[in-house]
PDB file of N, CA and C in Angstrom:
ATOM      1  N   MET A   1      -9.464  -8.523 -20.247  1.00  0.00           N
ATOM      2  CA  MET A   1      -8.666  -8.098 -21.075  1.00  0.00           C
ATOM      3  C   MET A   1      -7.354  -7.333 -20.391  1.00  0.00           C
ATOM      4  N   SER A   2      -6.334  -7.585 -20.601  1.00  0.00           N
ATOM      5  CA  SER A   2      -5.137  -7.104 -20.052  1.00  0.00           C
ATOM      6  C   SER A   2      -4.822  -5.558 -20.579  1.00  0.00           C
ATOM      7  N   TYR A   3      -4.732  -4.722 -19.720  1.00  0.00           N
ATOM      8  CA  TYR A   3      -4.465  -3.574 -20.326  1.00  0.00           C
ATOM      9  C   TYR A   3      -2.865  -3.176 -20.880  1.00  0.00           C
ATOM     10  N   LEU A   4      -2.128  -4.276 -20.579  1.00  0.00           N
ATOM     11  CA  LEU A   4      -0.806  -3.831 -21.420  1.00  0.00           C
ATOM     12  C   LEU A   4      -0.347  -5.433 -21.603  1.00  0.00           C
ATOM     13  N   THR A   5      -0.380  -5.943 -22.733  1.00  0.00           N
ATOM     14  CA  THR A   5       0.114  -7.277 -23.185  1.00  0.00           C
ATOM     15  C   THR A   5       1.750  -7.681 -22.819  1.00  0.00           C
ATOM     16  N   TYR A   6       2.221  -8.794 -22.884  1.00  0.00           N
ATOM     17  CA  TYR A   6       3.801  -8.705 -22.572  1.00  0.00           C
ATOM     18  C   TYR A   6       4.301  -8.457 -23.546  1.00  0.00           C
ATOM     19  N   ASN A   7       3.967  -8.590 -24.713  1.00  0.00           N
ATOM     20  CA  ASN A   7       4.450  -8.029 -26.268  1.00  0.00           C
ATOM     21  C   ASN A   7       4.702  -6.742 -26.181  1.00  0.00           C
ATOM     22  N   GLU A   8       3.571  -6.038 -25.795  1.00  0.00           N
ATOM     23  CA  GLU A   8       3.701  -4.533 -25.611  1.00  0.00           C
ATOM     24  C   GLU A   8       4.535  -4.033 -24.673  1.00  0.00           C
ATOM     25  N   TYR A   9       4.597  -4.816 -23.527  1.00  0.00           N
ATOM     26  CA  TYR A   9       5.337  -4.174 -22.684  1.00  0.00           C
ATOM     27  C   TYR A   9       7.038  -4.219 -23.130  1.00  0.00           C
ATOM     28  N   ILE A  10       7.389  -5.722 -23.699  1.00  0.00           N
ATOM     29  CA  ILE A  10       8.893  -5.905 -24.018  1.00  0.00           C
ATOM     30  C   ILE A  10       9.113  -4.922 -25.308  1.00  0.00           C
ATOM     31  N   THR A  11       8.224  -4.612 -26.205  1.00  0.00           N
ATOM     32  CA  THR A  11       8.402  -3.418 -27.187  1.00  0.00           C
ATOM     33  C   THR A  11       8.659  -2.122 -26.650  1.00  0.00           C
ATOM     34  N   MET A  12       7.894  -1.807 -25.397  1.00  0.00           N
ATOM     35  CA  MET A  12       7.942  -0.428 -24.968  1.00  0.00           C
ATOM     36  C   MET A  12       9.778  -0.321 -23.977  1.00  0.00           C
ATOM     37  N   GLY A  13      10.058  -1.654 -24.127  1.00  0.00           N
ATOM     38  CA  GLY A  13      11.338  -1.455 -23.452  1.00  0.00           C
ATOM     39  C   GLY A  13      11.688  -2.585 -21.760  1.00  0.00           C
ATOM     40  N   GLY A  14      10.492  -3.010 -21.765  1.00  0.00           N
ATOM     41  CA  GLY A  14      10.600  -3.856 -20.286  1.00  0.00           C
ATOM     42  C   GLY A  14      11.462  -4.772 -20.604  1.00  0.00           C
ATOM     43  N   GLN A  15      12.031  -5.502 -19.177  1.00  0.00           N
ATOM     44  CA  GLN A  15      12.850  -6.521 -19.185  1.00  0.00           C
ATOM     45  C   GLN A  15      12.535  -7.480 -18.285  1.00  0.00           C
ATOM     46  N   LEU A  16      11.581  -7.383 -17.734  1.00  0.00           N
ATOM     47  CA  LEU A  16      11.130  -8.547 -16.879  1.00  0.00           C
ATOM     48  C   LEU A  16      10.889 -10.069 -17.269  1.00  0.00           C
ATOM     49  N   ASP A  17      10.919 -11.337 -17.038  1.00  0.00           N
ATOM     50  CA  ASP A  17      10.547 -12.220 -17.589  1.00  0.00           C
ATOM     51  C   ASP A  17       8.956 -12.231 -17.353  1.00  0.00           C
ATOM     52  N   ILE A  18       8.257 -13.166 -18.160  1.00  0.00           N
ATOM     53  CA  ILE A  18       6.780 -13.252 -18.197  1.00  0.00           C
ATOM     54  C   ILE A  18       6.027 -13.569 -17.193  1.00  0.00           C
ATOM     55  N   ALA A  19       6.741 -14.512 -16.128  1.00  0.00           N
ATOM     56  CA  ALA A  19       6.167 -14.846 -14.955  1.00  0.00           C
ATOM     57  C   ALA A  19       5.976 -13.331 -13.975  1.00  0.00           C
ATOM     58  N   ALA A  20       7.187 -12.628 -13.949  1.00  0.00           N
ATOM     59  CA  ALA A  20       7.189 -11.583 -13.199  1.00  0.00           C
ATOM     60  C   ALA A  20       6.642 -10.435 -13.659  1.00  0.00           C
ATOM     61  N   TYR A  21       6.338 -10.339 -14.885  1.00  0.00           N
ATOM     62  CA  TYR A  21       5.684  -9.327 -15.590  1.00  0.00           C
ATOM     63  C   TYR A  21       4.188  -9.694 -15.161  1.00  0.00           C
ATOM     64  N   ALA A  22       3.650 -10.808 -15.470  1.00  0.00           N
ATOM     65  CA  ALA A  22       2.227 -11.137 -15.319  1.00  0.00           C
ATOM     66  C   ALA A  22       1.785 -10.610 -13.467  1.00  0.00           C
ATOM     67  N   SER A  23       2.728 -10.930 -12.809  1.00  0.00           N
ATOM     68  CA  SER A  23       2.167 -10.436 -11.484  1.00  0.00           C
ATOM     69  C   SER A  23       2.338  -8.956 -11.124  1.00  0.00           C
ATOM     70  N   ALA A  24       3.179  -8.194 -11.732  1.00  0.00           N
ATOM     71  CA  ALA A  24       3.392  -6.745 -11.777  1.00  0.00           C
ATOM     72  C   ALA A  24       2.222  -5.972 -12.649  1.00  0.00           C
ATOM     73  N   GLU A  25       1.937  -6.991 -13.698  1.00  0.00           N
ATOM     74  CA  GLU A  25       0.970  -6.018 -14.478  1.00  0.00           C
ATOM     75  C   GLU A  25      -0.485  -6.288 -13.972  1.00  0.00           C
ATOM     76  N   ARG A  26      -0.671  -7.368 -13.122  1.00  0.00           N
ATOM     77  CA  ARG A  26      -2.213  -7.644 -12.503  1.00  0.00           C
ATOM     78  C   ARG A  26      -1.985  -6.635 -11.237  1.00  0.00           C
ATOM     79  N   GLU A  27      -0.950  -6.454 -10.565  1.00  0.00           N
ATOM     80  CA  GLU A  27      -1.131  -5.456  -9.233  1.00  0.00           C
ATOM     81  C   GLU A  27      -1.114  -3.875 -10.078  1.00  0.00           C
ATOM     82  N   ALA A  28      -0.866  -3.577 -10.860  1.00  0.00           N
ATOM     83  CA  ALA A  28      -0.906  -1.997 -11.834  1.00  0.00           C
ATOM     84  C   ALA A  28      -2.049  -2.081 -11.943  1.00  0.00           C
ATOM     85  N   GLU A  29      -2.822  -3.222 -12.716  1.00  0.00           N
ATOM     86  CA  GLU A  29      -4.210  -3.090 -13.123  1.00  0.00           C
ATOM     87  C   GLU A  29      -5.174  -2.684 -11.751  1.00  0.00           C
ATOM     88  N   TYR A  30      -5.021  -3.695 -10.694  1.00  0.00           N
ATOM     89  CA  TYR A  30      -5.650  -3.395  -9.491  1.00  0.00           C
ATOM     90  C   TYR A  30      -5.679  -2.039  -8.981  1.00  0.00           C
ATOM     91  N   LEU A  31      -4.412  -1.467  -8.958  1.00  0.00           N
ATOM     92  CA  LEU A  31      -4.378  -0.159  -8.483  1.00  0.00           C
ATOM     93  C   LEU A  31      -5.235   0.843  -9.261  1.00  0.00           C
ATOM     94  N   ILE A  32      -5.038   0.640 -10.723  1.00  0.00           N
ATOM     95  CA  ILE A  32      -5.650   1.771 -11.456  1.00  0.00           C
ATOM     96  C   ILE A  32      -7.316   1.408 -11.295  1.00  0.00           C
ATOM     97  N   ASN A  33      -7.594   0.298 -11.383  1.00  0.00           N
ATOM     98  CA  ASN A  33      -9.137   0.020 -11.344  1.00  0.00           C
ATOM     99  C   ASN A  33      -9.633   0.501  -9.851  1.00  0.00           C
ATOM    100  N   SER A  34      -8.870   0.626  -9.159  1.00  0.00           N
ATOM    101  CA  SER A  34      -9.180   1.019  -7.660  1.00  0.00           C
ATOM    102  C   SER A  34      -9.604   2.504  -7.475  1.00  0.00           C
ATOM    103  N   GLN A  35      -8.829   3.489  -8.298  1.00  0.00           N
ATOM    104  CA  GLN A  35      -9.212   4.785  -8.255  1.00  0.00           C
ATOM    105  C   GLN A  35     -10.509   5.162  -8.440  1.00  0.00           C
ATOM    106  N   ALA A  36     -10.739   6.362  -7.836  1.00  0.00           N
ATOM    107  CA  ALA A  36     -12.023   7.018  -8.184  1.00  0.00           C
ATOM    108  C   ALA A  36     -13.077   5.933  -7.571  1.00  0.00           C
ATOM    109  N   ALA A  37     -12.693   5.680  -6.315  1.00  0.00           N
ATOM    110  CA  ALA A  37     -13.551   4.408  -5.531  1.00  0.00           C
ATOM    111  C   ALA A  37     -13.996   3.266  -6.803  1.00  0.00           C
ATOM    112  N   GLY A  38     -13.169   3.011  -7.412  1.00  0.00           N
ATOM    113  CA  GLY A  38     -13.701   1.961  -8.389  1.00  0.00           C
ATOM    114  C   GLY A  38     -14.129   2.254  -9.666  1.00  0.00           C
ATOM    115  N   GLN A  39     -14.330   3.680  -9.623  1.00  0.00           N
ATOM    116  CA  GLN A  39     -14.990   4.055 -11.192  1.00  0.00           C
ATOM    117  C   GLN A  39     -14.061   4.013 -12.547  1.00  0.00           C
ATOM    118  N   THR A  40     -12.707   4.081 -12.258  1.00  0.00           N
ATOM    119  CA  THR A  40     -12.013   4.174 -13.019  1.00  0.00           C
ATOM    120  C   THR A  40     -11.751   2.945 -13.769  1.00  0.00           C
ATOM    121  N   GLY A  41     -11.638   1.742 -12.962  1.00  0.00           N
ATOM    122  CA  GLY A  41     -12.353   0.321 -13.612  1.00  0.00           C
ATOM    123  C   GLY A  41     -13.301  -0.039 -14.470  1.00  0.00           C
ATOM    124  N   THR A  42     -14.254   0.799 -14.006  1.00  0.00           N
ATOM    125  CA  THR A  42     -15.489   0.579 -14.896  1.00  0.00           C
ATOM    126  C   THR A  42     -15.458   1.401 -15.858  1.00  0.00           C
ATOM    127  N   ARG A  43     -14.913   2.426 -16.199  1.00  0.00           N
ATOM    128  CA  ARG A  43     -15.052   3.261 -17.136  1.00  0.00           C
ATOM    129  C   ARG A  43     -14.024   2.577 -18.121  1.00  0.00           C
ATOM    130  N   ILE A  44     -12.694   2.315 -17.688  1.00  0.00           N
ATOM    131  CA  ILE A  44     -12.176   1.658 -18.727  1.00  0.00           C
ATOM    132  C   ILE A  44     -12.571   0.367 -19.339  1.00  0.00           C
ATOM    133  N   ALA A  45     -13.215  -0.123 -18.538  1.00  0.00           N
ATOM    134  CA  ALA A  45     -14.056  -1.452 -18.924  1.00  0.00           C
ATOM    135  C   ALA A  45     -14.979  -1.042 -20.173  1.00  0.00           C
ATOM    136  N   ALA A  46     -15.399   0.080 -20.185  1.00  0.00           N
ATOM    137  CA  ALA A  46     -16.611   0.548 -21.112  1.00  0.00           C
ATOM    138  C   ALA A  46     -15.930   1.265 -22.453  1.00  0.00           C
ATOM    139  N   LEU A  47     -14.565   1.210 -22.523  1.00  0.00           N
ATOM    140  CA  LEU A  47     -14.054   1.744 -23.606  1.00  0.00           C
ATOM    141  C   LEU A  47     -13.550   0.586 -24.507  1.00  0.00           C
ATOM    142  N   PRO A  48     -13.816   0.994 -26.130  1.00  0.00           N
ATOM    143  CA  PRO A  48     -13.759   0.105 -27.018  1.00  0.00           C
ATOM    144  C   PRO A  48     -12.436  -0.641 -26.840  1.00  0.00           C
ATOM    145  N   SER A  49     -11.428   0.064 -26.517  1.00  0.00           N
ATOM    146  CA  SER A  49     -10.016  -0.214 -26.821  1.00  0.00           C
ATOM    147  C   SER A  49      -9.067   0.346 -25.604  1.00  0.00           C
ATOM    148  N   ILE A  50      -8.121  -0.084 -25.216  1.00  0.00           N
ATOM    149  CA  ILE A  50      -7.143   0.562 -23.968  1.00  0.00           C
ATOM    150  C   ILE A  50      -6.595   1.548 -24.493  1.00  0.00           C
ATOM    151  N   PRO A  51      -6.621   2.888 -24.006  1.00  0.00           N
ATOM    152  CA  PRO A  51      -5.731   4.176 -24.722  1.00  0.00           C
ATOM    153  C   PRO A  51      -4.619   4.026 -24.365  1.00  0.00           C
ATOM    154  N   GLN A  52      -3.577   4.480 -25.033  1.00  0.00           N
ATOM    155  CA  GLN A  52      -2.323   4.543 -24.858  1.00  0.00           C
ATOM    156  C   GLN A  52      -1.659   4.927 -23.273  1.00  0.00           C
ATOM    157  N   PRO A  53      -2.405   6.200 -23.036  1.00  0.00           N
ATOM    158  CA  PRO A  53      -1.984   6.509 -21.844  1.00  0.00           C
ATOM    159  C   PRO A  53      -2.019   5.554 -20.324  1.00  0.00           C
ATOM    160  N   VAL A  54      -3.114   4.867 -20.636  1.00  0.00           N
ATOM    161  CA  VAL A  54      -3.176   3.523 -19.752  1.00  0.00           C
ATOM    162  C   VAL A  54      -2.328   2.473 -19.909  1.00  0.00           C
ATOM    163  N   LYS A  55      -2.045   2.226 -21.146  1.00  0.00           N
ATOM    164  CA  LYS A  55      -0.830   1.384 -21.440  1.00  0.00           C
ATOM    165  C   LYS A  55       0.608   1.939 -20.742  1.00  0.00           C
ATOM    166  N   ASP A  56       0.660   3.024 -20.896  1.00  0.00           N
ATOM    167  CA  ASP A  56       2.015   3.811 -20.407  1.00  0.00           C
ATOM    168  C   ASP A  56       1.957   3.825 -18.714  1.00  0.00           C
ATOM    169  N   CYS A  57       0.764   4.084 -18.371  1.00  0.00           N
ATOM    170  CA  CYS A  57       0.803   3.984 -16.882  1.00  0.00           C
ATOM    171  C   CYS A  57       1.010   2.695 -16.354  1.00  0.00           C
ATOM    172  N   VAL A  58       0.494   1.298 -16.918  1.00  0.00           N
ATOM    173  CA  VAL A  58       1.138   0.669 -16.703  1.00  0.00           C
ATOM    174  C   VAL A  58       2.522  -0.008 -16.456  1.00  0.00           C
ATOM    175  N   PHE A  59       2.659   0.364 -17.553  1.00  0.00           N
ATOM    176  CA  PHE A  59       4.421   0.329 -17.796  1.00  0.00           C
ATOM    177  C   PHE A  59       5.189   0.901 -16.783  1.00  0.00           C
ATOM    178  N   ALA A  60       4.701   2.160 -16.631  1.00  0.00           N
ATOM    179  CA  ALA A  60       5.460   3.048 -15.548  1.00  0.00           C
ATOM    180  C   ALA A  60       5.351   2.373 -14.339  1.00  0.00           C
ATOM    181  N   LEU A  61       3.800   1.821 -13.876  1.00  0.00           N
ATOM    182  CA  LEU A  61       3.960   1.405 -12.232  1.00  0.00           C
ATOM    183  C   LEU A  61       4.749  -0.148 -12.353  1.00  0.00           C
ATOM    184  N   ILE A  62       5.029  -0.788 -13.564  1.00  0.00           N
ATOM    185  CA  ILE A  62       5.769  -2.218 -13.444  1.00  0.00           C
ATOM    186  C   ILE A  62       7.157  -1.501 -13.330  1.00  0.00           C
ATOM    187  N   GLU A  63       7.507  -0.587 -13.908  1.00  0.00           N
ATOM    188  CA  GLU A  63       8.959  -0.265 -13.915  1.00  0.00           C
ATOM    189  C   GLU A  63       9.442   0.141 -12.440  1.00  0.00           C
ATOM    190  N   PHE A  64       8.488   1.050 -12.021  1.00  0.00           N
ATOM    191  CA  PHE A  64       8.834   1.516 -10.573  1.00  0.00           C
ATOM    192  C   PHE A  64       8.594   0.385  -9.651  1.00  0.00           C
ATOM    193  N   GLY A  65       7.586  -0.440  -9.319  1.00  0.00           N
ATOM    194  CA  GLY A  65       7.724  -1.385  -9.045  1.00  0.00           C
ATOM    195  C   GLY A  65       9.000  -2.723  -8.978  1.00  0.00           C
ATOM    196  N   SER A  66       9.629  -2.640 -10.140  1.00  0.00           N
ATOM    197  CA  SER A  66      10.720  -3.441 -10.170  1.00  0.00           C
ATOM    198  C   SER A  66      12.018  -2.844  -9.390  1.00  0.00           C
ATOM    199  N   LYS A  67      11.645  -1.365  -9.361  1.00  0.00           N
ATOM    200  CA  LYS A  67      12.862  -0.720  -8.738  1.00  0.00           C
ATOM    201  C   LYS A  67      12.743   0.246  -7.411  1.00  0.00           C
ATOM    202  N   SER A  68      11.808  -0.168  -6.846  1.00  0.00           N
ATOM    203  CA  SER A  68      11.292   0.532  -5.686  1.00  0.00           C
ATOM    204  C   SER A  68      11.481   0.024  -4.239  1.00  0.00           C
ATOM    205  N   GLY A  69      12.675  -1.240  -4.399  1.00  0.00           N
ATOM    206  CA  GLY A  69      12.793  -1.638  -3.171  1.00  0.00           C
ATOM    207  C   GLY A  69      14.254  -0.725  -2.427  1.00  0.00           C
ATOM    208  N   ALA A  70      15.291  -0.754  -3.085  1.00  0.00           N
ATOM    209  CA  ALA A  70      16.234   0.059  -2.606  1.00  0.00           C
ATOM    210  C   ALA A  70      16.733   0.781  -3.796  1.00  0.00           C
ATOM    211  N   GLN A  71      16.729   1.819  -3.880  1.00  0.00           N
ATOM    212  CA  GLN A  71      17.151   2.638  -4.790  1.00  0.00           C
ATOM    213  C   GLN A  71      18.476   3.725  -4.528  1.00  0.00           C
ATOM    214  N   VAL A  72      19.430   3.880  -5.405  1.00  0.00           N
ATOM    215  CA  VAL A  72      20.628   4.450  -5.433  1.00  0.00           C
ATOM    216  C   VAL A  72      20.330   6.178  -5.132  1.00  0.00           C
ATOM    217  N   ALA A  73      20.788   6.481  -3.876  1.00  0.00           N
ATOM    218  CA  ALA A  73      20.459   7.998  -3.590  1.00  0.00           C
ATOM    219  C   ALA A  73      21.736   9.001  -3.974  1.00  0.00           C
ATOM    220  N   SER A  74      23.077   8.371  -3.925  1.00  0.00           N
ATOM    221  CA  SER A  74      24.233   8.972  -4.195  1.00  0.00           C
ATOM    222  C   SER A  74      25.294   8.202  -4.590  1.00  0.00           C
ATOM    223  N   GLU A  75      26.255   8.589  -5.106  1.00  0.00           N
ATOM    224  CA  GLU A  75      27.521   7.647  -5.815  1.00  0.00           C
ATOM    225  C   GLU A  75      28.734   8.745  -5.646  1.00  0.00           C
ATOM    226  N   SER A  76      29.525   8.114  -5.292  1.00  0.00           N
ATOM    227  CA  SER A  76      30.761   8.954  -5.538  1.00  0.00           C
ATOM    228  C   SER A  76      32.304   8.096  -5.693  1.00  0.00           C
ATOM    229  N   GLN A  77      33.101   8.408  -6.572  1.00  0.00           N
ATOM    230  CA  GLN A  77      34.253   7.506  -6.843  1.00  0.00           C
ATOM    231  C   GLN A  77      35.340   8.593  -6.753  1.00  0.00           C
ATOM    232  N   SER A  78      36.388   8.001  -6.328  1.00  0.00           N
ATOM    233  CA  SER A  78      38.083   8.597  -6.681  1.00  0.00           C
ATOM    234  C   SER A  78      38.971   7.659  -7.072  1.00  0.00           C
ATOM    235  N   GLN A  79      39.526   8.227  -8.021  1.00  0.00           N
ATOM    236  CA  GLN A  79      40.649   7.194  -9.068  1.00  0.00           C
ATOM    237  C   GLN A  79      41.659   7.138  -8.187  1.00  0.00           C
ATOM    238  N   GLY A  80      42.380   8.221  -7.905  1.00  0.00           N
ATOM    239  CA  GLY A  80      43.840   8.090  -7.356  1.00  0.00           C
ATOM    240  C   GLY A  80      43.923   7.300  -6.045  1.00  0.00           C
ATOM    241  N   GLY A  81      42.931   7.793  -4.767  1.00  0.00           N
ATOM    242  CA  GLY A  81      42.994   7.030  -3.982  1.00  0.00           C
ATOM    243  C   GLY A  81      42.053   5.615  -3.600  1.00  0.00           C
ATOM    244  N   SER A  82      41.520   5.520  -4.871  1.00  0.00           N
ATOM    245  CA  SER A  82      40.940   4.095  -4.922  1.00  0.00           C
ATOM    246  C   SER A  82      39.473   3.961  -3.681  1.00  0.00           C
ATOM    247  N   SER A  83      38.867   5.434  -3.943  1.00  0.00           N
ATOM    248  CA  SER A  83      37.720   5.367  -3.080  1.00  0.00           C
ATOM    249  C   SER A  83      36.364   5.557  -3.750  1.00  0.00           C
ATOM    250  N   GLU A  84      35.488   4.639  -2.852  1.00  0.00           N
ATOM    251  CA  GLU A  84      34.178   4.550  -3.826  1.00  0.00           C
ATOM    252  C   GLU A  84      33.071   4.411  -2.403  1.00  0.00           C
ATOM    253  N   SER A  85      31.646   5.146  -2.634  1.00  0.00           N
ATOM    254  CA  SER A  85      30.802   5.330  -1.847  1.00  0.00           C
ATOM    255  C   SER A  85      29.536   5.317  -2.459  1.00  0.00           C
ATOM    256  N   VAL A  86      28.663   4.612  -1.688  1.00  0.00           N
ATOM    257  CA  VAL A  86      27.076   4.262  -2.527  1.00  0.00           C
ATOM    258  C   VAL A  86      26.291   4.502  -1.211  1.00  0.00           C
ATOM    259  N   SER A  87      25.142   5.224  -1.592  1.00  0.00           N
ATOM    260  CA  SER A  87      24.158   5.029  -0.504  1.00  0.00           C
ATOM    261  C   SER A  87      23.043   4.956  -1.012  1.00  0.00           C
ATOM    262  N   TYR A  88      22.107   3.966  -0.354  1.00  0.00           N
ATOM    263  CA  TYR A  88      20.674   3.550  -0.735  1.00  0.00           C
ATOM    264  C   TYR A  88      19.692   4.138   0.042  1.00  0.00           C
ATOM    265  N   VAL A  89      18.514   4.396  -0.682  1.00  0.00           N
ATOM    266  CA  VAL A  89      17.216   4.910   0.206  1.00  0.00           C
ATOM    267  C   VAL A  89      16.072   3.789  -0.037  1.00  0.00           C
ATOM    268  N   THR A  90      15.573   3.557   1.158  1.00  0.00           N
ATOM    269  CA  THR A  90      14.490   2.106   0.997  1.00  0.00           C
ATOM    270  C   THR A  90      13.206   3.032   1.361  1.00  0.00           C
ATOM    271  N   LEU A  91      12.487   2.823   0.614  1.00  0.00           N
ATOM    272  CA  LEU A  91      11.112   3.422   0.516  1.00  0.00           C
ATOM    273  C   LEU A  91      10.052   2.623   1.459  1.00  0.00           C
ATOM    274  N   THR A  92       9.267   3.292   2.301  1.00  0.00           N
ATOM    275  CA  THR A  92       8.306   2.496   3.132  1.00  0.00           C
ATOM    276  C   THR A  92       6.950   1.867   2.053  1.00  0.00           C
ATOM    277  N   ALA A  93       6.478   1.442   2.792  1.00  0.00           N
ATOM    278  CA  ALA A  93       5.360   0.683   1.821  1.00  0.00           C
ATOM    279  C   ALA A  93       4.344   1.936   1.485  1.00  0.00           C
ATOM    280  N   GLU A  94       4.407   2.784   2.532  1.00  0.00           N
ATOM    281  CA  GLU A  94       3.266   4.071   2.385  1.00  0.00           C
ATOM    282  C   GLU A  94       3.917   5.206   1.124  1.00  0.00           C
ATOM    283  N   GLN A  95       5.291   5.062   1.358  1.00  0.00           N
ATOM    284  CA  GLN A  95       5.912   6.167   0.199  1.00  0.00           C
ATOM    285  C   GLN A  95       5.720   5.428  -1.373  1.00  0.00           C
ATOM    286  N   ILE A  96       5.759   4.045  -1.248  1.00  0.00           N
ATOM    287  CA  ILE A  96       5.575   3.608  -2.542  1.00  0.00           C
ATOM    288  C   ILE A  96       4.363   3.714  -3.212  1.00  0.00           C
ATOM    289  N   LEU A  97       3.302   3.552  -2.133  1.00  0.00           N
ATOM    290  CA  LEU A  97       1.882   3.724  -2.867  1.00  0.00           C
ATOM    291  C   LEU A  97       1.522   5.328  -3.071  1.00  0.00           C
ATOM    292  N   VAL A  98       2.056   6.023  -2.409  1.00  0.00           N
ATOM    293  CA  VAL A  98       2.101   7.401  -2.859  1.00  0.00           C
ATOM    294  C   VAL A  98       2.635   7.637  -4.182  1.00  0.00           C
ATOM    295  N   GLU A  99       3.799   7.158  -4.345  1.00  0.00           N
ATOM    296  CA  GLU A  99       4.269   7.377  -5.501  1.00  0.00           C
ATOM    297  C   GLU A  99       3.869   6.879  -6.664  1.00  0.00           C
ATOM    298  N   LYS A 100       3.032   5.485  -6.420  1.00  0.00           N
ATOM    299  CA  LYS A 100       2.425   4.739  -7.254  1.00  0.00           C
ATOM    300  C   LYS A 100       0.958   5.744  -7.861  1.00  0.00           C
ATOM    301  N   GLU A 101       0.733   6.309  -6.849  1.00  0.00           N
ATOM    302  CA  GLU A 101      -0.344   6.990  -7.073  1.00  0.00           C
ATOM    303  C   GLU A 101      -0.536   8.176  -7.952  1.00  0.00           C
ATOM    304  N   ARG A 102       1.032   8.691  -7.696  1.00  0.00           N
ATOM    305  CA  ARG A 102       1.273   9.943  -8.215  1.00  0.00           C
ATOM    306  C   ARG A 102       1.601   9.744  -9.717  1.00  0.00           C
ATOM    307  N   ILE A 103       2.234   8.371 -10.046  1.00  0.00           N
ATOM    308  CA  ILE A 103       2.417   7.921 -11.608  1.00  0.00           C
ATOM    309  C   ILE A 103       0.859   8.038 -12.162  1.00  0.00           C
ATOM    310  N   VAL A 104       0.043   7.299 -11.553  1.00  0.00           N
ATOM    311  CA  VAL A 104      -1.269   7.144 -12.385  1.00  0.00           C
ATOM    312  C   VAL A 104      -1.980   8.404 -12.482  1.00  0.00           C
ATOM    313  N   PHE A 105      -1.971   9.549 -11.364  1.00  0.00           N
ATOM    314  CA  PHE A 105      -2.317  10.777 -11.638  1.00  0.00           C
ATOM    315  C   PHE A 105      -1.549  11.234 -12.567  1.00  0.00           C
ATOM    316  N   ASP A 106      -0.236  11.564 -12.491  1.00  0.00           N
ATOM    317  CA  ASP A 106       0.224  12.316 -13.834  1.00  0.00           C
ATOM    318  C   ASP A 106       0.311  11.528 -15.020  1.00  0.00           C
ATOM    319  N   THR A 107       0.254  10.319 -15.279  1.00  0.00           N
ATOM    320  CA  THR A 107       0.043   9.790 -16.444  1.00  0.00           C
ATOM    321  C   THR A 107      -1.465   9.878 -17.250  1.00  0.00           C
ATOM    322  N   PHE A 108      -2.223   9.571 -16.286  1.00  0.00           N
ATOM    323  CA  PHE A 108      -3.873   9.848 -16.934  1.00  0.00           C
ATOM    324  C   PHE A 108      -3.893  11.589 -17.231  1.00  0.00           C
ATOM    325  N   PHE A 109      -3.626  12.400 -16.424  1.00  0.00           N
ATOM    326  CA  PHE A 109      -3.910  13.639 -16.799  1.00  0.00           C
ATOM    327  C   PHE A 109      -2.897  14.345 -17.921  1.00  0.00           C
ATOM    328  N   GLY A 110      -1.762  13.827 -17.716  1.00  0.00           N
ATOM    329  CA  GLY A 110      -0.839  14.084 -18.620  1.00  0.00           C
ATOM    330  C   GLY A 110      -1.032  13.910 -19.939  1.00  0.00           C
ATOM    331  N   GLY A 111      -1.685  12.464 -20.144  1.00  0.00           N
ATOM    332  CA  GLY A 111      -2.058  11.674 -21.431  1.00  0.00           C
ATOM    333  C   GLY A 111      -3.781  12.043 -21.823  1.00  0.00           C
ATOM    334  N   GLY A 112      -4.102  13.248 -21.251  1.00  0.00           N
ATOM    335  CA  GLY A 112      -5.347  13.307 -21.468  1.00  0.00           C
ATOM    336  C   GLY A 112      -6.691  12.545 -21.213  1.00  0.00           C
ATOM    337  N   MET A 113      -6.210  11.727 -19.941  1.00  0.00           N
ATOM    338  CA  MET A 113      -7.231  10.629 -19.872  1.00  0.00           C
ATOM    339  C   MET A 113      -7.686  11.058 -18.328  1.00  0.00           C
ATOM    340  N   GLY A 114      -7.587  12.546 -17.755  1.00  0.00           N
ATOM    341  CA  GLY A 114      -7.708  12.718 -16.468  1.00  0.00           C
ATOM    342  C   GLY A 114      -9.380  12.605 -15.887  1.00  0.00           C
ATOM    343  N   SER A 115     -10.300  12.345 -17.078  1.00  0.00           N
ATOM    344  CA  SER A 115     -11.604  11.842 -16.935  1.00  0.00           C
ATOM    345  C   SER A 115     -12.089  10.755 -16.319  1.00  0.00           C
ATOM    346  N   LEU A 116     -10.801   9.652 -16.641  1.00  0.00           N
ATOM    347  CA  LEU A 116     -11.220   8.369 -16.036  1.00  0.00           C
ATOM    348  C   LEU A 116     -10.996   8.310 -14.620  1.00  0.00           C
ATOM    349  N   LEU A 117     -10.164   9.356 -13.993  1.00  0.00           N
ATOM    350  CA  LEU A 117     -10.042   9.514 -12.413  1.00  0.00           C
ATOM    351  C   LEU A 117     -10.953  10.702 -11.720  1.00  0.00           C
ATOM    352  N   TYR A 118     -12.113  10.889 -12.296  1.00  0.00           N
ATOM    353  CA  TYR A 118     -13.038  11.879 -11.711  1.00  0.00           C
ATOM    354  C   TYR A 118     -13.899  11.075 -10.670  1.00  0.00           C
ATOM    355  N   ARG A 119     -13.903  11.736  -9.681  1.00  0.00           N
ATOM    356  CA  ARG A 119     -14.523  11.098  -8.401  1.00  0.00           C
ATOM    357  C   ARG A 119     -16.172  11.741  -8.219  1.00  0.00           C
ATOM    358  N   GLY A 120     -16.432  12.912  -8.947  1.00  0.00           N
ATOM    359  CA  GLY A 120     -17.480  13.338  -8.875  1.00  0.00           C
ATOM    360  C   GLY A 120     -17.393  14.783  -7.889  1.00  0.00           C
ATOM    361  N   ALA A 121     -18.335  15.329  -7.998  1.00  0.00           N
ATOM    362  CA  ALA A 121     -18.465  16.643  -6.868  1.00  0.00           C
ATOM    363  C   ALA A 121     -18.902  16.379  -5.703  1.00  0.00           C
ATOM    364  N   CYS A 122     -18.291  16.817  -4.393  1.00  0.00           N
ATOM    365  CA  CYS A 122     -18.588  16.908  -3.163  1.00  0.00           C
ATOM    366  C   CYS A 122     -19.680  17.751  -2.723  1.00  0.00           C
ATOM    367  N   ILE A 123     -20.934  17.645  -2.514  1.00  0.00           N
ATOM    368  CA  ILE A 123     -21.894  18.731  -2.133  1.00  0.00           C
ATOM    369  C   ILE A 123     -22.590  18.643  -1.069  1.00  0.00           C
TER     370      ILE A 123
END
């Protein structure tokens, strides 16, 4: 069962075509499922339906992934002298993964689904 269907993705404002979406959605699911040493995926599979915070998280991961190559860091323009400047920031693979994990953490805890990320006590 897909965490977020293509129709739900489009309804939420997604812009990717179905082929790009399928790949991005699968990658987002893999990341979510891997949390808490794989327990998050097991816990979601045991739920009767996919909670909205999980769908929101998949959407946020897809959107971030579609824009994480080069991002505009600053822009400036001048009208009289016709000057324009744009600088870009390229994220490393490690920075992208850290940001994606932050998206999972923030979305799950912000949506009341933090228990899906519980790793257990270290004693």
